Structure formats: structure tokens, C-alpha cells
Amino acid sequence: MPEITAAIVKTLRDRTNAGMMDCKKALAEANGDLEQAETILRKKGITKAGSKADRAANQGVIASYIHMGGSVGVLIEVNCETDFVARNDSFKEFVKDLTLHIAAAAPICVSREQIPAHLIEKERDIAAAQAREQKKPEAIIPKIVEGKIDAYCKSLALLDQPFIKDDKKTIKDLLASKIAELGENMIIRRFVRYQVGEADATAPKSAEAAA
């Protein structure tokens, strides 16, 4: 049976908002398979937001934020199920928090699955070369590389980033708690961030990123 690491347990918790022990049990039942473990939690009704993840989210808002006297700009689309929730002050505050976070933390995409493969491979090569330069045993280099890749992806993917107002929770956690609070599926659909002087602004990013 594959080792159930603290990192994979946390990943499942971030996805589902379920308790750590429930996540660990589900991963053990799924032999370490993350997708299967998430399905197990959803079937058991343990995940708070998962029951809403398949519901259509065709309403919502497009919001903008300009920061630092016009040097940074963010445009974002966040979807929900109804116009009623789209007009809700709590939902609007959530979207505002997202724009502030994106301006400050500079993610390049919504989820880690959207990070271009060539960037990950480049980072993987660099991490392996650094480990060998440091004379690390060859047998542990793959584990070192995967750890660095995980950290790299977390730095670029919005959902994996620690929330700037509370670094004990990720944006994924924030999304899950907002879904639980308002009772509707929500999706951070896409965003674009511009910064004066950058060669290339991040292109609009999309994801079916419901918790």
C-alpha cells in the first residue's frame, strides 16, 4: 500500500474541506489514490462543499481592481448558481478579496493543472541539478524534486496559495468555506493580472475550480 503522507492528506483536505482523520481514512481506503479518496468522501457526505460541485454555476460577477496607483490591475470572473447570491454582500466581499490576493500574490493560473508543462519540467531539471550539486544521495533525489515541484506549483496556482489575509488557509479553503456559507456551488472561472513594465501579462485563466 502506498505511503499516506501528510502532504497528500492536506491536499485532500484542501479539496474537500473534510477533517484530517476523515481524509486519512479515505486515502487508506483508496490505496493512496487522491481522486478516488475524494469520491469516497463525497459518497459518505463528509465533504461539505463536494455535494454542490456538480451543480451548474452560470451566474456571478466580473470584477476589477487597480492597485498601487495604477501599476497593477486584476480582472476576474467568479461564478455562482443564482443571481441572488451574486448580489449577496458576502459573495461580493469574497470576490474583492480574490482580486486583492491576486494583485499581491501574482498567481499565473487558477489551479495547478493549468501550469504549463514546460515550466514544471524546467523546474524539475533545476531541482534535480541542485540536489546533485549538493551531493544528495541519488536515491532520495526524486523525493526532493517532487517536494520542490509541489512548492513551485503552490506558488503559482491561485487555489493552492495561502490567503494573504489569513495564511493558515488556502484560497481553496476560502472557496470551500464560502460555498458552505452561502449554500451554492461557486467557481473561480478565470482571471488576468497586469503589471506595468512586465513583458507579458498573465493570460486569462479558466478552471472548473469548485471545491
N, C-alpha and C. Protein backbone atom coordinates (compact mmCIF):
# COMPACT_ATOMS: atom_id res chain seq x y z
N MET A 1 0.85 -1.19 0.00
CA MET A 1 0.00 0.00 0.00
C MET A 1 0.88 1.25 0.00
N PRO A 2 0.58 2.24 -0.84
CA PRO A 2 1.40 3.45 -0.89
C PRO A 2 1.38 4.19 0.45
N GLU A 3 2.46 4.91 0.75
CA GLU A 3 2.54 5.68 1.99
C GLU A 3 1.56 6.85 1.93
N ILE A 4 0.79 7.01 2.99
CA ILE A 4 -0.15 8.13 3.07
C ILE A 4 0.58 9.27 3.78
N THR A 5 1.12 10.19 3.00
CA THR A 5 1.92 11.27 3.55
C THR A 5 1.05 12.41 4.06
N ALA A 6 1.63 13.23 4.92
CA ALA A 6 0.91 14.40 5.43
C ALA A 6 0.55 15.35 4.29
N ALA A 7 1.42 15.40 3.28
CA ALA A 7 1.17 16.32 2.15
C ALA A 7 -0.07 15.92 1.36
N ILE A 8 -0.23 14.61 1.11
CA ILE A 8 -1.39 14.17 0.32
C ILE A 8 -2.66 14.28 1.15
N VAL A 9 -2.56 14.08 2.46
CA VAL A 9 -3.72 14.25 3.33
C VAL A 9 -4.17 15.72 3.30
N LYS A 10 -3.20 16.63 3.36
CA LYS A 10 -3.53 18.06 3.31
C LYS A 10 -4.14 18.43 1.96
N THR A 11 -3.61 17.85 0.88
CA THR A 11 -4.17 18.13 -0.45
C THR A 11 -5.63 17.73 -0.51
N LEU A 12 -5.94 16.54 0.04
CA LEU A 12 -7.34 16.08 0.04
C LEU A 12 -8.19 16.97 0.92
N ARG A 13 -7.66 17.39 2.04
CA ARG A 13 -8.42 18.28 2.92
C ARG A 13 -8.69 19.61 2.23
N ASP A 14 -7.70 20.14 1.52
CA ASP A 14 -7.88 21.39 0.79
C ASP A 14 -8.96 21.27 -0.27
N ARG A 15 -9.02 20.10 -0.89
CA ARG A 15 -10.02 19.88 -1.95
C ARG A 15 -11.43 19.74 -1.40
N THR A 16 -11.55 19.13 -0.21
CA THR A 16 -12.87 18.71 0.26
C THR A 16 -13.37 19.43 1.49
N ASN A 17 -12.46 20.08 2.24
CA ASN A 17 -12.82 20.72 3.50
C ASN A 17 -13.22 19.70 4.56
N ALA A 18 -12.90 18.44 4.34
CA ALA A 18 -13.17 17.40 5.33
C ALA A 18 -12.08 17.40 6.39
N GLY A 19 -12.33 16.71 7.52
CA GLY A 19 -11.37 16.63 8.60
C GLY A 19 -10.15 15.81 8.21
N MET A 20 -9.04 16.06 8.90
CA MET A 20 -7.78 15.37 8.58
C MET A 20 -7.91 13.86 8.74
N MET A 21 -8.55 13.40 9.81
CA MET A 21 -8.68 11.95 10.03
C MET A 21 -9.58 11.32 8.97
N ASP A 22 -10.65 12.02 8.60
CA ASP A 22 -11.53 11.50 7.55
C ASP A 22 -10.76 11.38 6.23
N CYS A 23 -9.92 12.38 5.95
CA CYS A 23 -9.12 12.35 4.73
C CYS A 23 -8.13 11.18 4.75
N LYS A 24 -7.50 10.98 5.90
CA LYS A 24 -6.52 9.89 6.02
C LYS A 24 -7.19 8.53 5.83
N LYS A 25 -8.36 8.35 6.41
CA LYS A 25 -9.10 7.09 6.27
C LYS A 25 -9.52 6.86 4.82
N ALA A 26 -9.97 7.92 4.18
CA ALA A 26 -10.41 7.80 2.79
C ALA A 26 -9.23 7.45 1.88
N LEU A 27 -8.07 8.04 2.13
CA LEU A 27 -6.88 7.73 1.33
C LEU A 27 -6.43 6.30 1.56
N ALA A 28 -6.52 5.83 2.79
CA ALA A 28 -6.17 4.44 3.08
C ALA A 28 -7.11 3.50 2.34
N GLU A 29 -8.39 3.83 2.35
CA GLU A 29 -9.39 3.00 1.65
C GLU A 29 -9.16 3.02 0.14
N ALA A 30 -8.66 4.14 -0.36
CA ALA A 30 -8.42 4.30 -1.80
C ALA A 30 -7.00 3.92 -2.21
N ASN A 31 -6.25 3.32 -1.28
CA ASN A 31 -4.86 2.93 -1.56
C ASN A 31 -4.01 4.11 -2.06
N GLY A 32 -4.28 5.29 -1.49
CA GLY A 32 -3.47 6.46 -1.81
C GLY A 32 -3.91 7.23 -3.03
N ASP A 33 -4.96 6.77 -3.70
CA ASP A 33 -5.43 7.45 -4.91
C ASP A 33 -6.26 8.68 -4.51
N LEU A 34 -5.76 9.87 -4.87
CA LEU A 34 -6.38 11.11 -4.43
C LEU A 34 -7.80 11.29 -4.98
N GLU A 35 -7.97 11.03 -6.28
CA GLU A 35 -9.29 11.22 -6.89
C GLU A 35 -10.30 10.25 -6.30
N GLN A 36 -9.89 9.01 -6.09
CA GLN A 36 -10.80 8.01 -5.53
C GLN A 36 -11.15 8.35 -4.09
N ALA A 37 -10.17 8.86 -3.35
CA ALA A 37 -10.42 9.25 -1.96
C ALA A 37 -11.42 10.38 -1.88
N GLU A 38 -11.31 11.34 -2.80
CA GLU A 38 -12.26 12.45 -2.83
C GLU A 38 -13.67 11.94 -3.12
N THR A 39 -13.77 10.98 -4.03
CA THR A 39 -15.07 10.38 -4.35
C THR A 39 -15.64 9.67 -3.14
N ILE A 40 -14.80 8.95 -2.40
CA ILE A 40 -15.24 8.24 -1.20
C ILE A 40 -15.82 9.21 -0.18
N LEU A 41 -15.13 10.33 0.04
CA LEU A 41 -15.62 11.33 0.98
C LEU A 41 -16.96 11.92 0.53
N ARG A 42 -17.06 12.18 -0.76
CA ARG A 42 -18.31 12.75 -1.27
C ARG A 42 -19.46 11.78 -1.13
N LYS A 43 -19.20 10.49 -1.39
CA LYS A 43 -20.25 9.48 -1.25
C LYS A 43 -20.71 9.35 0.20
N LYS A 44 -19.79 9.53 1.12
CA LYS A 44 -20.12 9.43 2.54
C LYS A 44 -20.74 10.72 3.07
N GLY A 45 -20.74 11.78 2.25
CA GLY A 45 -21.31 13.04 2.67
C GLY A 45 -20.46 13.79 3.67
N ILE A 46 -19.16 13.45 3.73
CA ILE A 46 -18.27 14.08 4.69
C ILE A 46 -17.81 15.44 4.20
N THR A 47 -17.54 15.53 2.90
CA THR A 47 -17.09 16.81 2.37
C THR A 47 -18.26 17.80 2.33
N LYS A 48 -18.03 19.00 2.82
CA LYS A 48 -19.11 19.98 2.93
C LYS A 48 -19.48 20.58 1.59
N ALA A 49 -18.48 20.85 0.79
CA ALA A 49 -18.75 21.56 -0.46
C ALA A 49 -18.93 20.62 -1.63
N GLY A 50 -18.44 19.38 -1.50
CA GLY A 50 -18.44 18.46 -2.63
C GLY A 50 -19.81 18.15 -3.18
N SER A 51 -20.82 18.15 -2.28
CA SER A 51 -22.16 17.82 -2.73
C SER A 51 -22.72 18.86 -3.69
N LYS A 52 -22.10 20.01 -3.73
CA LYS A 52 -22.59 21.07 -4.60
C LYS A 52 -21.76 21.22 -5.87
N ALA A 53 -20.68 20.43 -5.98
CA ALA A 53 -19.70 20.67 -7.03
C ALA A 53 -20.22 20.40 -8.43
N ASP A 54 -21.23 19.55 -8.56
CA ASP A 54 -21.74 19.22 -9.89
C ASP A 54 -22.88 20.13 -10.34
N ARG A 55 -23.28 21.06 -9.49
CA ARG A 55 -24.39 21.93 -9.84
C ARG A 55 -23.90 23.08 -10.71
N ALA A 56 -24.70 23.44 -11.70
CA ALA A 56 -24.30 24.47 -12.66
C ALA A 56 -24.14 25.82 -11.98
N ALA A 57 -23.08 26.52 -12.33
CA ALA A 57 -22.82 27.86 -11.81
C ALA A 57 -22.71 28.80 -13.00
N ASN A 58 -23.84 29.36 -13.39
CA ASN A 58 -23.90 30.19 -14.59
C ASN A 58 -24.15 31.66 -14.31
N GLN A 59 -24.26 32.01 -13.02
CA GLN A 59 -24.40 33.41 -12.63
C GLN A 59 -23.07 33.87 -12.03
N GLY A 60 -23.06 35.05 -11.47
CA GLY A 60 -21.82 35.53 -10.85
C GLY A 60 -21.49 36.95 -11.25
N VAL A 61 -20.20 37.28 -11.11
CA VAL A 61 -19.78 38.64 -11.40
C VAL A 61 -18.42 38.64 -12.09
N ILE A 62 -18.18 39.73 -12.81
CA ILE A 62 -16.84 40.06 -13.28
C ILE A 62 -16.43 41.32 -12.52
N ALA A 63 -15.30 41.24 -11.84
CA ALA A 63 -14.87 42.35 -11.00
C ALA A 63 -13.45 42.76 -11.37
N SER A 64 -13.12 44.01 -11.03
CA SER A 64 -11.78 44.53 -11.33
C SER A 64 -11.20 45.20 -10.10
N TYR A 65 -9.89 45.33 -10.11
CA TYR A 65 -9.19 46.00 -9.01
C TYR A 65 -7.92 46.63 -9.56
N ILE A 66 -7.69 47.88 -9.22
CA ILE A 66 -6.47 48.58 -9.62
C ILE A 66 -5.69 48.92 -8.36
N HIS A 67 -4.42 48.57 -8.36
CA HIS A 67 -3.59 48.67 -7.16
C HIS A 67 -2.36 49.54 -7.42
N MET A 68 -1.82 50.07 -6.33
CA MET A 68 -0.54 50.79 -6.37
C MET A 68 -0.56 51.94 -7.38
N GLY A 69 -1.60 52.77 -7.31
CA GLY A 69 -1.66 53.94 -8.17
C GLY A 69 -1.69 53.62 -9.65
N GLY A 70 -2.23 52.45 -10.00
CA GLY A 70 -2.37 52.09 -11.40
C GLY A 70 -1.28 51.19 -11.93
N SER A 71 -0.39 50.69 -11.07
CA SER A 71 0.71 49.86 -11.56
C SER A 71 0.33 48.38 -11.68
N VAL A 72 -0.72 47.96 -10.98
CA VAL A 72 -1.18 46.57 -11.04
C VAL A 72 -2.69 46.56 -11.23
N GLY A 73 -3.17 45.73 -12.13
CA GLY A 73 -4.60 45.60 -12.37
C GLY A 73 -5.03 44.15 -12.44
N VAL A 74 -6.21 43.86 -11.92
CA VAL A 74 -6.75 42.49 -11.91
C VAL A 74 -8.17 42.52 -12.44
N LEU A 75 -8.50 41.55 -13.28
CA LEU A 75 -9.86 41.33 -13.77
C LEU A 75 -10.19 39.87 -13.51
N ILE A 76 -11.34 39.59 -12.89
CA ILE A 76 -11.67 38.22 -12.50
C ILE A 76 -13.14 37.92 -12.77
N GLU A 77 -13.42 36.66 -13.11
CA GLU A 77 -14.80 36.17 -13.20
C GLU A 77 -14.98 35.07 -12.17
N VAL A 78 -15.99 35.25 -11.30
CA VAL A 78 -16.34 34.23 -10.29
C VAL A 78 -17.81 33.91 -10.47
N ASN A 79 -18.12 32.63 -10.58
CA ASN A 79 -19.50 32.20 -10.84
C ASN A 79 -20.15 31.57 -9.62
N CYS A 80 -21.47 31.70 -9.58
CA CYS A 80 -22.30 31.03 -8.58
C CYS A 80 -23.55 30.52 -9.29
N GLU A 81 -24.49 29.98 -8.54
CA GLU A 81 -25.66 29.37 -9.17
C GLU A 81 -26.78 30.35 -9.47
N THR A 82 -26.94 31.36 -8.61
CA THR A 82 -28.09 32.25 -8.75
C THR A 82 -27.68 33.72 -8.71
N ASP A 83 -28.52 34.54 -9.32
CA ASP A 83 -28.31 35.98 -9.29
C ASP A 83 -28.46 36.52 -7.88
N PHE A 84 -29.28 35.83 -7.07
CA PHE A 84 -29.49 36.24 -5.68
C PHE A 84 -28.17 36.22 -4.92
N VAL A 85 -27.41 35.14 -5.05
CA VAL A 85 -26.12 35.05 -4.37
C VAL A 85 -25.11 36.01 -5.00
N ALA A 86 -25.18 36.19 -6.31
CA ALA A 86 -24.26 37.11 -6.99
C ALA A 86 -24.39 38.53 -6.44
N ARG A 87 -25.58 38.87 -5.93
CA ARG A 87 -25.80 40.20 -5.37
C ARG A 87 -25.54 40.25 -3.86
N ASN A 88 -25.24 39.08 -3.27
CA ASN A 88 -25.03 38.99 -1.83
C ASN A 88 -23.73 39.70 -1.42
N ASP A 89 -23.79 40.45 -0.33
CA ASP A 89 -22.61 41.20 0.11
C ASP A 89 -21.43 40.29 0.46
N SER A 90 -21.74 39.13 1.04
CA SER A 90 -20.66 38.20 1.41
C SER A 90 -19.96 37.66 0.17
N PHE A 91 -20.73 37.37 -0.88
CA PHE A 91 -20.15 36.90 -2.13
C PHE A 91 -19.29 38.01 -2.76
N LYS A 92 -19.81 39.23 -2.74
CA LYS A 92 -19.06 40.35 -3.32
C LYS A 92 -17.75 40.58 -2.56
N GLU A 93 -17.80 40.43 -1.24
CA GLU A 93 -16.59 40.60 -0.44
C GLU A 93 -15.57 39.52 -0.75
N PHE A 94 -16.07 38.29 -0.98
CA PHE A 94 -15.21 37.18 -1.37
C PHE A 94 -14.49 37.48 -2.68
N VAL A 95 -15.22 37.98 -3.66
CA VAL A 95 -14.63 38.31 -4.95
C VAL A 95 -13.61 39.44 -4.80
N LYS A 96 -13.94 40.42 -3.98
CA LYS A 96 -13.00 41.52 -3.74
C LYS A 96 -11.70 41.00 -3.11
N ASP A 97 -11.86 40.10 -2.14
CA ASP A 97 -10.68 39.51 -1.50
C ASP A 97 -9.81 38.77 -2.52
N LEU A 98 -10.46 38.11 -3.47
CA LEU A 98 -9.71 37.40 -4.51
C LEU A 98 -8.90 38.37 -5.37
N THR A 99 -9.51 39.49 -5.73
CA THR A 99 -8.76 40.45 -6.56
C THR A 99 -7.58 41.03 -5.80
N LEU A 100 -7.77 41.32 -4.52
CA LEU A 100 -6.67 41.83 -3.69
C LEU A 100 -5.56 40.80 -3.58
N HIS A 101 -5.96 39.55 -3.39
CA HIS A 101 -4.97 38.47 -3.27
C HIS A 101 -4.18 38.31 -4.56
N ILE A 102 -4.87 38.29 -5.68
CA ILE A 102 -4.19 38.11 -6.97
C ILE A 102 -3.22 39.25 -7.24
N ALA A 103 -3.63 40.47 -6.90
CA ALA A 103 -2.74 41.62 -7.09
C ALA A 103 -1.47 41.47 -6.28
N ALA A 104 -1.60 40.96 -5.04
CA ALA A 104 -0.45 40.86 -4.14
C ALA A 104 0.39 39.61 -4.39
N ALA A 105 -0.27 38.46 -4.63
CA ALA A 105 0.45 37.18 -4.69
C ALA A 105 0.85 36.77 -6.10
N ALA A 106 0.29 37.40 -7.10
CA ALA A 106 0.67 37.19 -8.51
C ALA A 106 0.64 35.72 -8.96
N PRO A 107 -0.47 34.99 -8.73
CA PRO A 107 -0.58 33.65 -9.32
C PRO A 107 -0.65 33.77 -10.84
N ILE A 108 -0.37 32.66 -11.54
CA ILE A 108 -0.45 32.72 -13.00
C ILE A 108 -1.64 31.94 -13.55
N CYS A 109 -2.30 31.16 -12.67
CA CYS A 109 -3.43 30.34 -13.13
C CYS A 109 -4.31 30.00 -11.93
N VAL A 110 -5.48 29.47 -12.19
CA VAL A 110 -6.41 29.14 -11.11
C VAL A 110 -5.96 27.88 -10.37
N SER A 111 -5.67 26.80 -11.10
CA SER A 111 -5.30 25.53 -10.47
C SER A 111 -3.97 25.04 -11.01
N ARG A 112 -3.33 24.15 -10.25
CA ARG A 112 -2.01 23.66 -10.67
C ARG A 112 -2.06 22.87 -11.96
N GLU A 113 -3.21 22.30 -12.29
CA GLU A 113 -3.34 21.56 -13.54
C GLU A 113 -3.15 22.45 -14.76
N GLN A 114 -3.29 23.77 -14.58
CA GLN A 114 -3.16 24.71 -15.69
C GLN A 114 -1.74 25.24 -15.86
N ILE A 115 -0.84 24.90 -14.96
CA ILE A 115 0.55 25.36 -15.10
C ILE A 115 1.16 24.70 -16.33
N PRO A 116 1.72 25.45 -17.25
CA PRO A 116 2.29 24.86 -18.46
C PRO A 116 3.32 23.78 -18.14
N ALA A 117 3.22 22.66 -18.86
CA ALA A 117 4.10 21.51 -18.59
C ALA A 117 5.57 21.86 -18.74
N HIS A 118 5.88 22.76 -19.68
CA HIS A 118 7.30 23.08 -19.90
C HIS A 118 7.89 23.82 -18.71
N LEU A 119 7.06 24.59 -17.99
CA LEU A 119 7.56 25.27 -16.79
C LEU A 119 7.87 24.27 -15.68
N ILE A 120 7.00 23.28 -15.53
CA ILE A 120 7.21 22.26 -14.50
C ILE A 120 8.44 21.43 -14.82
N GLU A 121 8.61 21.06 -16.08
CA GLU A 121 9.77 20.26 -16.46
C GLU A 121 11.07 21.05 -16.27
N LYS A 122 11.04 22.32 -16.58
CA LYS A 122 12.22 23.16 -16.37
C LYS A 122 12.57 23.22 -14.89
N GLU A 123 11.56 23.40 -14.06
CA GLU A 123 11.79 23.46 -12.62
C GLU A 123 12.27 22.12 -12.08
N ARG A 124 11.75 21.05 -12.65
CA ARG A 124 12.17 19.70 -12.25
C ARG A 124 13.65 19.49 -12.55
N ASP A 125 14.09 19.91 -13.73
CA ASP A 125 15.50 19.78 -14.12
C ASP A 125 16.40 20.60 -13.19
N ILE A 126 15.96 21.82 -12.87
CA ILE A 126 16.75 22.68 -11.99
C ILE A 126 16.86 22.07 -10.60
N ALA A 127 15.74 21.56 -10.08
CA ALA A 127 15.74 20.97 -8.74
C ALA A 127 16.66 19.75 -8.67
N ALA A 128 16.63 18.92 -9.70
CA ALA A 128 17.48 17.73 -9.73
C ALA A 128 18.95 18.12 -9.80
N ALA A 129 19.26 19.13 -10.62
CA ALA A 129 20.64 19.59 -10.74
C ALA A 129 21.14 20.17 -9.43
N GLN A 130 20.30 20.91 -8.74
CA GLN A 130 20.69 21.48 -7.45
C GLN A 130 20.96 20.39 -6.42
N ALA A 131 20.12 19.36 -6.42
CA ALA A 131 20.29 18.27 -5.45
C ALA A 131 21.60 17.54 -5.71
N ARG A 132 21.93 17.33 -6.98
CA ARG A 132 23.19 16.65 -7.30
C ARG A 132 24.38 17.55 -6.97
N GLU A 133 24.24 18.84 -7.18
CA GLU A 133 25.31 19.79 -6.84
C GLU A 133 25.59 19.77 -5.34
N GLN A 134 24.53 19.54 -4.57
CA GLN A 134 24.66 19.47 -3.12
C GLN A 134 25.06 18.08 -2.62
N LYS A 135 25.37 17.18 -3.56
CA LYS A 135 25.83 15.83 -3.24
C LYS A 135 24.79 15.00 -2.48
N LYS A 136 23.53 15.24 -2.79
CA LYS A 136 22.48 14.44 -2.17
C LYS A 136 22.52 13.02 -2.72
N PRO A 137 22.20 12.00 -1.90
CA PRO A 137 22.17 10.63 -2.40
C PRO A 137 21.19 10.49 -3.56
N GLU A 138 21.61 9.78 -4.60
CA GLU A 138 20.79 9.64 -5.80
C GLU A 138 19.41 9.07 -5.49
N ALA A 139 19.35 8.20 -4.50
CA ALA A 139 18.08 7.52 -4.19
C ALA A 139 17.01 8.48 -3.66
N ILE A 140 17.43 9.58 -3.04
CA ILE A 140 16.43 10.48 -2.47
C ILE A 140 16.16 11.70 -3.35
N ILE A 141 16.90 11.82 -4.44
CA ILE A 141 16.72 12.99 -5.32
C ILE A 141 15.29 13.09 -5.87
N PRO A 142 14.67 11.98 -6.33
CA PRO A 142 13.29 12.11 -6.82
C PRO A 142 12.33 12.68 -5.78
N LYS A 143 12.50 12.28 -4.52
CA LYS A 143 11.62 12.80 -3.46
C LYS A 143 11.88 14.29 -3.24
N ILE A 144 13.15 14.69 -3.28
CA ILE A 144 13.49 16.11 -3.13
C ILE A 144 12.88 16.92 -4.27
N VAL A 145 13.01 16.39 -5.48
CA VAL A 145 12.48 17.09 -6.65
C VAL A 145 10.97 17.25 -6.55
N GLU A 146 10.26 16.19 -6.16
CA GLU A 146 8.80 16.27 -6.07
C GLU A 146 8.37 17.27 -5.01
N GLY A 147 9.13 17.34 -3.92
CA GLY A 147 8.81 18.32 -2.89
C GLY A 147 8.95 19.74 -3.41
N LYS A 148 10.00 19.97 -4.19
CA LYS A 148 10.22 21.31 -4.75
C LYS A 148 9.19 21.64 -5.82
N ILE A 149 8.79 20.64 -6.59
CA ILE A 149 7.76 20.86 -7.60
C ILE A 149 6.43 21.20 -6.94
N ASP A 150 6.12 20.51 -5.84
CA ASP A 150 4.89 20.79 -5.12
C ASP A 150 4.89 22.24 -4.62
N ALA A 151 6.02 22.67 -4.05
CA ALA A 151 6.12 24.05 -3.56
C ALA A 151 6.03 25.05 -4.72
N TYR A 152 6.64 24.70 -5.84
CA TYR A 152 6.61 25.57 -7.02
C TYR A 152 5.17 25.74 -7.52
N CYS A 153 4.44 24.64 -7.61
CA CYS A 153 3.06 24.71 -8.08
C CYS A 153 2.19 25.53 -7.12
N LYS A 154 2.42 25.36 -5.83
CA LYS A 154 1.66 26.12 -4.84
C LYS A 154 1.92 27.62 -4.96
N SER A 155 3.10 27.97 -5.41
CA SER A 155 3.42 29.39 -5.54
C SER A 155 2.75 30.03 -6.75
N LEU A 156 2.37 29.22 -7.73
CA LEU A 156 1.81 29.74 -8.99
C LEU A 156 0.30 29.59 -9.12
N ALA A 157 -0.26 28.56 -8.49
CA ALA A 157 -1.69 28.25 -8.65
C ALA A 157 -2.51 28.96 -7.57
N LEU A 158 -3.46 29.76 -7.99
CA LEU A 158 -4.28 30.55 -7.06
C LEU A 158 -4.88 29.70 -5.95
N LEU A 159 -5.50 28.59 -6.30
CA LEU A 159 -6.20 27.78 -5.31
C LEU A 159 -5.28 27.22 -4.24
N ASP A 160 -4.02 27.02 -4.56
CA ASP A 160 -3.07 26.44 -3.61
C ASP A 160 -2.36 27.49 -2.75
N GLN A 161 -2.50 28.76 -3.09
CA GLN A 161 -1.76 29.79 -2.37
C GLN A 161 -2.37 30.09 -1.00
N PRO A 162 -1.54 30.36 0.01
CA PRO A 162 -2.07 30.82 1.30
C PRO A 162 -2.75 32.18 1.11
N PHE A 163 -3.92 32.33 1.70
CA PHE A 163 -4.69 33.56 1.58
C PHE A 163 -3.92 34.70 2.25
N ILE A 164 -3.78 35.83 1.59
CA ILE A 164 -2.95 36.92 2.11
C ILE A 164 -3.49 37.50 3.43
N LYS A 165 -4.79 37.35 3.69
CA LYS A 165 -5.36 37.87 4.93
C LYS A 165 -5.32 36.85 6.07
N ASP A 166 -5.07 35.59 5.74
CA ASP A 166 -5.00 34.53 6.74
C ASP A 166 -4.21 33.37 6.15
N ASP A 167 -2.91 33.34 6.41
CA ASP A 167 -2.06 32.36 5.75
C ASP A 167 -2.21 30.94 6.30
N LYS A 168 -3.13 30.77 7.27
CA LYS A 168 -3.41 29.41 7.76
C LYS A 168 -4.41 28.69 6.85
N LYS A 169 -5.01 29.42 5.92
CA LYS A 169 -5.94 28.80 4.97
C LYS A 169 -5.52 29.14 3.55
N THR A 170 -5.82 28.24 2.63
CA THR A 170 -5.54 28.48 1.22
C THR A 170 -6.76 29.12 0.56
N ILE A 171 -6.59 29.58 -0.67
CA ILE A 171 -7.73 30.09 -1.43
C ILE A 171 -8.75 28.97 -1.65
N LYS A 172 -8.28 27.73 -1.80
CA LYS A 172 -9.19 26.59 -1.90
C LYS A 172 -10.03 26.47 -0.65
N ASP A 173 -9.43 26.64 0.52
CA ASP A 173 -10.17 26.61 1.78
C ASP A 173 -11.19 27.74 1.83
N LEU A 174 -10.76 28.92 1.40
CA LEU A 174 -11.65 30.09 1.41
C LEU A 174 -12.85 29.85 0.50
N LEU A 175 -12.61 29.28 -0.67
CA LEU A 175 -13.69 28.96 -1.59
C LEU A 175 -14.65 27.94 -0.97
N ALA A 176 -14.10 26.90 -0.36
CA ALA A 176 -14.94 25.86 0.26
C ALA A 176 -15.80 26.42 1.38
N SER A 177 -15.22 27.31 2.19
CA SER A 177 -15.99 27.88 3.30
C SER A 177 -17.09 28.80 2.79
N LYS A 178 -16.83 29.49 1.68
CA LYS A 178 -17.85 30.37 1.12
C LYS A 178 -18.99 29.56 0.50
N ILE A 179 -18.66 28.43 -0.13
CA ILE A 179 -19.68 27.52 -0.65
C ILE A 179 -20.56 27.00 0.47
N ALA A 180 -19.92 26.59 1.58
CA ALA A 180 -20.67 26.09 2.73
C ALA A 180 -21.54 27.18 3.35
N GLU A 181 -21.02 28.41 3.39
CA GLU A 181 -21.76 29.52 3.99
C GLU A 181 -22.99 29.90 3.18
N LEU A 182 -22.83 30.02 1.86
CA LEU A 182 -23.91 30.53 1.02
C LEU A 182 -24.75 29.43 0.38
N GLY A 183 -24.29 28.18 0.47
CA GLY A 183 -25.10 27.05 0.02
C GLY A 183 -25.20 26.88 -1.48
N GLU A 184 -24.27 27.44 -2.22
CA GLU A 184 -24.26 27.29 -3.67
C GLU A 184 -22.88 26.89 -4.17
N ASN A 185 -22.87 26.16 -5.28
CA ASN A 185 -21.60 25.90 -5.95
C ASN A 185 -21.01 27.22 -6.45
N MET A 186 -19.70 27.34 -6.37
CA MET A 186 -19.02 28.53 -6.88
C MET A 186 -17.78 28.10 -7.63
N ILE A 187 -17.44 28.85 -8.64
CA ILE A 187 -16.28 28.56 -9.48
C ILE A 187 -15.48 29.83 -9.69
N ILE A 188 -14.20 29.77 -9.39
CA ILE A 188 -13.30 30.84 -9.81
C ILE A 188 -12.98 30.53 -11.27
N ARG A 189 -13.66 31.19 -12.16
CA ARG A 189 -13.63 30.80 -13.57
C ARG A 189 -12.31 31.18 -14.25
N ARG A 190 -11.90 32.43 -14.10
CA ARG A 190 -10.69 32.89 -14.78
C ARG A 190 -10.28 34.26 -14.24
N PHE A 191 -9.06 34.63 -14.47
CA PHE A 191 -8.60 35.95 -14.09
C PHE A 191 -7.46 36.36 -15.01
N VAL A 192 -7.18 37.65 -15.00
CA VAL A 192 -5.99 38.17 -15.69
C VAL A 192 -5.38 39.23 -14.78
N ARG A 193 -4.07 39.23 -14.69
CA ARG A 193 -3.35 40.20 -13.86
C ARG A 193 -2.33 40.92 -14.74
N TYR A 194 -2.39 42.24 -14.70
CA TYR A 194 -1.44 43.06 -15.45
C TYR A 194 -0.57 43.84 -14.48
N GLN A 195 0.70 43.98 -14.82
CA GLN A 195 1.60 44.82 -14.03
C GLN A 195 2.43 45.67 -14.99
N VAL A 196 2.48 46.95 -14.71
CA VAL A 196 3.23 47.87 -15.56
C VAL A 196 4.68 47.42 -15.65
N GLY A 197 5.18 47.36 -16.89
CA GLY A 197 6.57 47.01 -17.10
C GLY A 197 6.84 45.54 -17.32
N GLU A 198 5.83 44.67 -17.09
CA GLU A 198 6.01 43.24 -17.35
C GLU A 198 6.00 43.00 -18.85
N ALA A 199 6.85 42.09 -19.30
CA ALA A 199 6.91 41.77 -20.73
C ALA A 199 5.61 41.15 -21.20
N ASP A 200 5.06 40.26 -20.39
CA ASP A 200 3.82 39.58 -20.73
C ASP A 200 2.93 39.51 -19.51
N ALA A 201 1.73 40.02 -19.63
CA ALA A 201 0.75 39.85 -18.55
C ALA A 201 0.24 38.42 -18.58
N THR A 202 -0.22 37.95 -17.45
CA THR A 202 -0.80 36.61 -17.43
C THR A 202 -2.07 36.61 -18.28
N ALA A 203 -2.20 35.60 -19.13
CA ALA A 203 -3.39 35.47 -19.96
C ALA A 203 -4.57 35.05 -19.09
N PRO A 204 -5.81 35.29 -19.55
CA PRO A 204 -6.95 34.85 -18.78
C PRO A 204 -6.88 33.34 -18.52
N LYS A 205 -7.10 32.96 -17.27
CA LYS A 205 -7.01 31.56 -16.89
C LYS A 205 -8.38 31.05 -16.51
N SER A 206 -8.70 29.83 -16.90
CA SER A 206 -10.01 29.26 -16.60
C SER A 206 -9.85 27.97 -15.84
N ALA A 207 -10.86 27.64 -15.03
CA ALA A 207 -10.86 26.35 -14.35
C ALA A 207 -12.24 26.08 -13.81
N GLU A 208 -12.64 24.81 -13.91
CA GLU A 208 -13.85 24.37 -13.22
C GLU A 208 -13.42 24.08 -11.79
N ALA A 209 -13.15 25.16 -11.04
CA ALA A 209 -12.46 25.02 -9.77
C ALA A 209 -13.41 25.17 -8.60
N ALA A 210 -14.39 24.30 -8.54
CA ALA A 210 -15.27 24.30 -7.39
C ALA A 210 -14.70 23.40 -6.31
N ALA A 211 -14.93 23.75 -5.08
CA ALA A 211 -14.43 22.90 -4.00
C ALA A 211 -15.34 21.71 -3.80
